[in-house]
Amino acid sequence: MLRTRPIMLGVVGDSATGKSTLSAGLAQILGPERVTILSADDYHKYDRRERAVLGITPLHPDCNYLDILAQHLHLLRRGQPILKPVYDHSTGTFTRPEYVQPRQFVIVDGLLAFHTPQLRSAFDVKVFLDPPEELRRLWKIQRDVTKRGYTIEQVLQELERREPDAAAFIRPQRRYADIVVRFTPPSGVSPDTAGGRLQAQLVLRPTLPHPDITSIPCVGLDRCILPRHYVRLHLERDYGRPVDVLEIDPDISDADAQELEHCIWANLPGDVPHPHPEAIGWYSRGHDAAHSHPLALTQVLLAYHMLYPMAHGQENREPLPMLEEVLNVES
């Protein structure tokens, strides 16, 4: 049977890597009324108190109902509603389940959404967030202290407790991503002093048809750094395989950022609405909001990959297997 289905994107990364920020910007580009956002971390088995008693972290697969998450993702992919659990991060407890209907686009973010073949097979686009660990720890302290009621000492203790599971279960999922996103301070700048001045480094694997941006003047190839080359595209190897690496400097001008954005959209056939520049690229910095061109352009590129299947009619052409067949995929 053939039927229209949602386009599914997964965003995976450790705690405080910017998953929610990236997802919110994508929804602004695609249109919030057209997007369903789901947190895979709602599928924890235990609340915060129970985890402390059991000595388990939420990063461990045994602490999550990953089989139920896989079932729900494939139901959403088939255009069917789900009754989703809800985990309240501010209290560490579960609240009333939520009835979720898939819209035109479904964005799923969480810690373990690429952990199994069944989970990975639900997504059209897979993104892994991979900031430097020193920067991620700084972000986690800022977020958990200001928004979740922790002390700095509690956050540091929790980071150390989670590290073995992060190394064993979270970071290995990087190899399954179509795009790896890394926001990092410019060379020679420490995370403590960088503030919001971060460059984007995107690993673009050939598992997706990426847009051609080589024709615009601000893009330099093969790491050539000229006065206007605030964007660089070069070939590297990742896990022994060739990939393109796209780097976007924080000093890119408004005009060059707009030119790159228009170039990305120009790779799509038909009329694609351009988002207003002020609607994307925003993130929380303490209690304030700040803007970043590298973040905005990353969000535009990911939106392009969500629109690409729709622009080519691929969401109407995929045969949908029985759900039982999907969930019996072997590792």
Protein backbone atom coordinates (compact mmCIF):
# COMPACT_ATOMS: atom_id res chain seq x y z
CA MET A 1 0.00 0.00 0.00
CA LEU A 2 1.23 3.48 -0.86
CA ARG A 3 0.20 6.53 1.14
CA THR A 4 1.41 9.97 2.09
CA ARG A 5 3.45 9.93 5.26
CA PRO A 6 5.32 12.46 7.42
CA ILE A 7 8.98 13.27 6.83
CA MET A 8 10.90 12.12 9.92
CA LEU A 9 14.08 13.71 11.32
CA GLY A 10 16.02 12.47 14.34
CA VAL A 11 18.33 14.66 16.43
CA VAL A 12 20.55 12.74 18.87
CA GLY A 13 23.22 13.93 21.26
CA ASP A 14 24.25 13.90 24.89
CA SER A 15 22.50 16.07 27.46
CA ALA A 16 22.83 19.83 26.80
CA THR A 17 24.18 19.56 23.25
CA GLY A 18 21.50 21.87 21.84
CA LYS A 19 18.91 19.38 20.58
CA SER A 20 15.88 21.43 21.63
CA THR A 21 17.38 24.66 20.25
CA LEU A 22 18.05 23.06 16.87
CA SER A 23 14.59 21.48 16.73
CA ALA A 24 12.81 24.73 17.62
CA GLY A 25 14.59 26.60 14.83
CA LEU A 26 13.69 23.89 12.33
CA ALA A 27 10.04 24.18 13.33
CA GLN A 28 10.18 27.94 12.72
CA ILE A 29 11.48 27.38 9.18
CA LEU A 30 9.04 24.63 8.26
CA GLY A 31 6.09 26.27 10.04
CA PRO A 32 5.13 25.27 13.60
CA GLU A 33 1.65 24.29 12.42
CA ARG A 34 3.24 21.71 10.07
CA VAL A 35 5.64 20.17 12.63
CA THR A 36 5.28 17.62 15.43
CA ILE A 37 8.20 17.64 17.90
CA LEU A 38 8.65 14.61 20.13
CA SER A 39 11.20 14.02 22.89
CA ALA A 40 12.59 10.48 22.93
CA ASP A 41 13.65 11.12 26.55
CA ASP A 42 10.00 10.93 27.60
CA TYR A 43 10.42 7.16 27.32
CA HIS A 44 12.49 6.80 30.51
CA LYS A 45 11.47 3.78 32.60
CA TYR A 46 12.26 5.39 35.96
CA ASP A 47 11.83 8.80 37.48
CA ARG A 48 14.73 10.69 39.06
CA ARG A 49 14.22 9.22 42.55
CA GLU A 50 13.98 5.66 41.24
CA ARG A 51 17.14 6.11 39.16
CA ALA A 52 19.04 7.24 42.24
CA VAL A 53 17.88 4.17 44.18
CA LEU A 54 18.71 1.79 41.32
CA GLY A 55 22.02 3.46 40.51
CA ILE A 56 21.22 3.81 36.81
CA THR A 57 21.49 6.85 34.55
CA PRO A 58 18.98 7.92 31.85
CA LEU A 59 21.75 7.42 29.28
CA HIS A 60 21.65 3.64 29.72
CA PRO A 61 19.36 1.75 27.30
CA ASP A 62 18.01 -0.33 30.21
CA CYS A 63 16.62 2.91 31.69
CA ASN A 64 14.43 3.53 28.63
CA TYR A 65 11.51 1.83 26.86
CA LEU A 66 13.31 1.83 23.51
CA ASP A 67 11.06 -0.90 22.09
CA ILE A 68 7.96 1.19 22.78
CA LEU A 69 9.70 4.27 21.33
CA ALA A 70 10.44 2.31 18.13
CA GLN A 71 6.80 1.21 17.87
CA HIS A 72 5.59 4.77 18.34
CA LEU A 73 8.03 6.21 15.78
CA HIS A 74 6.89 3.75 13.13
CA LEU A 75 3.25 4.45 13.92
CA LEU A 76 3.92 8.16 13.44
CA ARG A 77 5.78 7.37 10.20
CA ARG A 78 2.64 5.59 8.99
CA GLY A 79 0.56 8.68 9.82
CA GLN A 80 -1.04 7.21 12.93
CA PRO A 81 -1.42 8.86 16.37
CA ILE A 82 0.23 7.70 19.58
CA LEU A 83 -0.30 8.16 23.31
CA LYS A 84 3.12 9.36 24.43
CA PRO A 85 4.52 9.36 27.99
CA VAL A 86 5.66 12.73 29.34
CA TYR A 87 8.72 13.19 31.57
CA ASP A 88 9.03 16.52 33.42
CA HIS A 89 12.74 17.42 33.55
CA SER A 90 12.15 20.19 36.07
CA THR A 91 10.72 17.79 38.69
CA GLY A 92 12.17 14.48 37.52
CA THR A 93 8.72 12.86 37.50
CA PHE A 94 6.18 11.66 34.95
CA THR A 95 3.00 13.58 34.16
CA ARG A 96 -0.17 12.85 32.16
CA PRO A 97 0.44 11.06 28.81
CA GLU A 98 0.01 13.17 25.68
CA TYR A 99 -2.03 12.32 22.57
CA VAL A 100 0.22 13.05 19.58
CA GLN A 101 -0.79 13.18 15.93
CA PRO A 102 1.88 13.36 13.23
CA ARG A 103 1.90 16.47 11.09
CA GLN A 104 3.66 16.95 7.78
CA PHE A 105 7.06 16.85 9.50
CA VAL A 106 8.06 14.98 12.66
CA ILE A 107 11.20 15.96 14.60
CA VAL A 108 12.39 13.56 17.30
CA ASP A 109 15.21 14.56 19.66
CA GLY A 110 16.74 12.57 22.48
CA LEU A 111 19.62 10.62 23.92
CA LEU A 112 19.17 7.17 22.35
CA ALA A 113 17.01 7.56 19.23
CA PHE A 114 19.65 5.89 16.99
CA HIS A 115 20.56 3.10 19.41
CA THR A 116 18.87 0.23 17.53
CA PRO A 117 18.25 -0.59 13.85
CA GLN A 118 14.50 -0.39 14.50
CA LEU A 119 14.85 3.17 15.78
CA ARG A 120 17.18 4.29 12.99
CA SER A 121 14.93 2.90 10.27
CA ALA A 122 12.15 5.32 11.28
CA PHE A 123 14.06 8.42 10.11
CA ASP A 124 14.54 10.05 6.72
CA VAL A 125 17.29 12.29 8.12
CA LYS A 126 19.55 11.51 11.08
CA VAL A 127 21.54 14.26 12.85
CA PHE A 128 24.05 13.88 15.68
CA LEU A 129 25.14 16.86 17.80
CA ASP A 130 28.81 16.64 18.78
CA PRO A 131 30.12 19.79 20.54
CA PRO A 132 33.50 19.66 22.30
CA GLU A 133 33.04 18.05 25.70
CA GLU A 134 34.36 21.11 27.56
CA LEU A 135 31.75 23.29 25.86
CA ARG A 136 28.93 20.80 26.46
CA ARG A 137 29.74 20.66 30.16
CA LEU A 138 29.61 24.45 30.33
CA TRP A 139 26.20 24.44 28.59
CA LYS A 140 24.88 21.75 30.93
CA ILE A 141 25.93 23.65 34.03
CA GLN A 142 24.32 26.85 32.74
CA ARG A 143 21.08 25.11 31.78
CA ASP A 144 20.64 22.84 34.80
CA VAL A 145 21.42 25.60 37.30
CA THR A 146 19.22 28.27 35.70
CA LYS A 147 16.31 26.10 34.51
CA ARG A 148 16.28 22.83 36.48
CA GLY A 149 17.16 23.89 40.01
CA TYR A 150 20.51 22.11 40.40
CA THR A 151 23.61 23.47 42.10
CA ILE A 152 26.92 23.56 40.20
CA GLU A 153 28.30 20.82 42.46
CA GLN A 154 25.31 18.57 41.71
CA VAL A 155 25.71 19.04 37.96
CA LEU A 156 29.43 18.23 38.09
CA GLN A 157 28.77 15.09 40.13
CA GLU A 158 26.08 13.98 37.69
CA LEU A 159 28.37 14.57 34.71
CA GLU A 160 31.01 12.29 36.21
CA ARG A 161 28.44 9.64 37.06
CA ARG A 162 27.06 9.67 33.51
CA GLU A 163 30.39 9.61 31.67
CA PRO A 164 30.75 5.79 31.39
CA ASP A 165 27.27 5.50 29.84
CA ALA A 166 27.89 8.49 27.55
CA ALA A 167 31.02 6.79 26.23
CA ALA A 168 29.35 3.39 25.89
CA PHE A 169 25.94 4.34 24.48
CA ILE A 170 25.60 7.99 23.41
CA ARG A 171 28.74 8.86 21.46
CA PRO A 172 28.78 5.59 19.42
CA GLN A 173 25.52 6.70 17.76
CA ARG A 174 27.51 9.36 15.88
CA ARG A 175 28.47 6.81 13.21
CA TYR A 176 24.82 6.37 12.16
CA ALA A 177 24.12 10.05 11.45
CA ASP A 178 23.73 11.50 7.96
CA ILE A 179 24.94 14.85 9.30
CA VAL A 180 27.15 15.47 12.34
CA VAL A 181 26.82 19.00 13.74
CA ARG A 182 29.61 20.43 15.88
CA PHE A 183 29.47 23.98 17.26
CA THR A 184 32.91 24.91 18.53
CA PRO A 185 34.92 28.03 19.45
CA PRO A 186 37.26 29.37 16.75
CA SER A 187 40.85 28.15 16.89
CA GLY A 188 42.68 29.52 19.92
CA VAL A 189 39.51 30.59 21.77
CA SER A 190 38.49 28.73 24.95
CA PRO A 191 34.84 27.79 25.60
CA ASP A 192 34.84 29.96 28.74
CA THR A 193 35.56 33.12 26.73
CA ALA A 194 33.85 32.26 23.42
CA GLY A 195 30.37 33.18 24.59
CA GLY A 196 28.08 32.77 21.59
CA ARG A 197 30.90 33.24 19.07
CA LEU A 198 30.97 29.67 17.77
CA GLN A 199 31.64 28.25 14.34
CA ALA A 200 29.66 25.37 12.86
CA GLN A 201 31.46 22.28 11.57
CA LEU A 202 29.16 19.94 9.69
CA VAL A 203 30.15 16.45 8.58
CA LEU A 204 28.04 15.75 5.48
CA ARG A 205 27.92 12.05 4.69
CA PRO A 206 26.97 10.84 1.19
CA THR A 207 23.88 9.10 2.56
CA LEU A 208 21.93 12.28 1.65
CA PRO A 209 21.94 14.43 -1.53
CA HIS A 210 23.46 17.64 -0.17
CA PRO A 211 22.91 20.99 -1.93
CA ASP A 212 25.64 22.39 -4.19
CA ILE A 213 26.98 25.63 -2.65
CA THR A 214 30.32 25.79 -4.44
CA SER A 215 29.33 28.59 -6.82
CA ILE A 216 29.06 31.46 -4.32
CA PRO A 217 32.10 33.69 -3.57
CA CYS A 218 32.08 33.31 0.22
CA VAL A 219 32.68 29.54 -0.03
CA GLY A 220 36.31 28.43 -0.08
CA LEU A 221 37.34 24.94 -1.15
CA ASP A 222 40.06 22.69 0.27
CA ARG A 223 40.61 24.88 3.36
CA CYS A 224 41.67 27.90 1.27
CA ILE A 225 41.26 30.92 3.54
CA LEU A 226 40.80 34.18 1.66
CA PRO A 227 39.29 37.41 3.00
CA ARG A 228 35.76 36.43 1.91
CA HIS A 229 35.98 32.75 2.76
CA TYR A 230 33.92 32.64 5.94
CA VAL A 231 32.49 29.34 4.65
CA ARG A 232 34.76 26.43 3.74
CA LEU A 233 33.95 23.08 2.16
CA HIS A 234 36.58 20.36 2.02
CA LEU A 235 36.95 16.58 1.80
CA GLU A 236 37.95 14.50 4.83
CA ARG A 237 37.60 10.95 6.10
CA ASP A 238 35.30 9.94 8.92
CA TYR A 239 35.37 6.35 10.22
CA GLY A 240 37.64 5.69 7.22
CA ARG A 241 35.09 6.88 4.64
CA PRO A 242 35.10 10.09 2.57
CA VAL A 243 32.84 12.90 3.75
CA ASP A 244 32.41 16.59 3.00
CA VAL A 245 33.06 18.95 5.90
CA LEU A 246 31.33 22.33 5.85
CA GLU A 247 32.67 25.05 8.18
CA ILE A 248 30.79 28.29 8.83
CA ASP A 249 32.62 31.04 10.75
CA PRO A 250 30.83 33.21 13.32
CA ASP A 251 32.17 36.32 11.54
CA ILE A 252 30.23 35.65 8.34
CA SER A 253 28.46 38.85 7.25
CA ASP A 254 24.70 39.27 7.02
CA ALA A 255 24.97 39.52 3.22
CA ASP A 256 27.07 36.37 2.85
CA ALA A 257 24.81 34.43 5.24
CA GLN A 258 21.79 35.48 3.19
CA GLU A 259 23.54 34.50 -0.06
CA LEU A 260 24.37 31.05 1.32
CA GLU A 261 20.81 30.60 2.54
CA HIS A 262 19.40 31.50 -0.88
CA CYS A 263 21.87 29.14 -2.55
CA ILE A 264 20.68 26.25 -0.37
CA TRP A 265 17.03 26.94 -1.21
CA ALA A 266 17.87 27.27 -4.92
CA ASN A 267 18.76 23.57 -4.96
CA LEU A 268 15.11 22.70 -4.31
CA PRO A 269 12.67 22.57 -7.23
CA GLY A 270 9.49 24.62 -7.09
CA ASP A 271 8.58 27.47 -4.77
CA VAL A 272 9.99 27.08 -1.28
CA PRO A 273 9.15 29.84 1.23
CA HIS A 274 12.20 31.57 2.71
CA PRO A 275 12.06 32.11 6.47
CA HIS A 276 12.50 35.59 7.85
CA PRO A 277 16.13 35.93 9.04
CA GLU A 278 15.08 36.94 12.56
CA ALA A 279 12.97 33.78 12.98
CA ILE A 280 15.90 31.35 13.10
CA GLY A 281 19.36 31.09 14.62
CA TRP A 282 18.25 32.08 18.13
CA TYR A 283 19.44 30.33 21.28
CA SER A 284 19.34 30.88 25.04
CA ARG A 285 22.39 32.51 26.61
CA GLY A 286 21.75 32.56 30.33
CA HIS A 287 18.41 34.33 30.75
CA ASP A 288 18.76 36.16 27.42
CA ALA A 289 18.33 35.24 23.77
CA ALA A 290 21.17 35.61 21.24
CA HIS A 291 21.53 35.09 17.50
CA SER A 292 24.07 33.07 15.51
CA HIS A 293 24.48 32.91 11.72
CA PRO A 294 26.21 29.48 11.88
CA LEU A 295 23.25 28.10 13.87
CA ALA A 296 20.71 29.68 11.49
CA LEU A 297 22.45 28.28 8.40
CA THR A 298 22.70 24.84 10.01
CA GLN A 299 18.96 24.94 10.64
CA VAL A 300 18.35 25.99 7.01
CA LEU A 301 20.45 23.07 5.72
CA LEU A 302 18.54 20.57 7.87
CA ALA A 303 15.21 22.07 6.76
CA TYR A 304 16.38 21.64 3.16
CA HIS A 305 16.85 17.93 3.78
CA MET A 306 13.35 17.65 5.26
CA LEU A 307 11.83 19.47 2.29
CA TYR A 308 13.85 17.55 -0.31
CA PRO A 309 11.80 14.29 -0.14
CA MET A 310 8.58 16.31 -0.33
CA ALA A 311 9.81 18.40 -3.26
CA HIS A 312 10.58 15.16 -5.13
CA GLY A 313 7.35 13.42 -4.12
CA GLN A 314 9.18 10.74 -2.18
CA GLU A 315 6.79 10.86 0.74
CA ASN A 316 4.06 9.52 -1.59
CA ARG A 317 6.08 6.72 -3.18
CA GLU A 318 7.40 4.65 -0.31
CA PRO A 319 5.71 1.29 0.29
CA LEU A 320 4.86 0.96 3.97
CA PRO A 321 5.72 -2.46 5.43
CA MET A 322 3.73 -4.07 8.18
CA LEU A 323 4.77 -2.67 11.55
CA GLU A 324 5.70 -6.16 12.74
CA GLU A 325 8.19 -6.47 9.86
CA VAL A 326 9.89 -3.21 10.80
CA LEU A 327 10.24 -4.05 14.48
CA ASN A 328 11.72 -7.47 13.71
CA VAL A 329 14.71 -5.98 11.85
CA GLU A 330 17.82 -7.79 13.06
CA SER A 331 20.85 -5.92 14.39
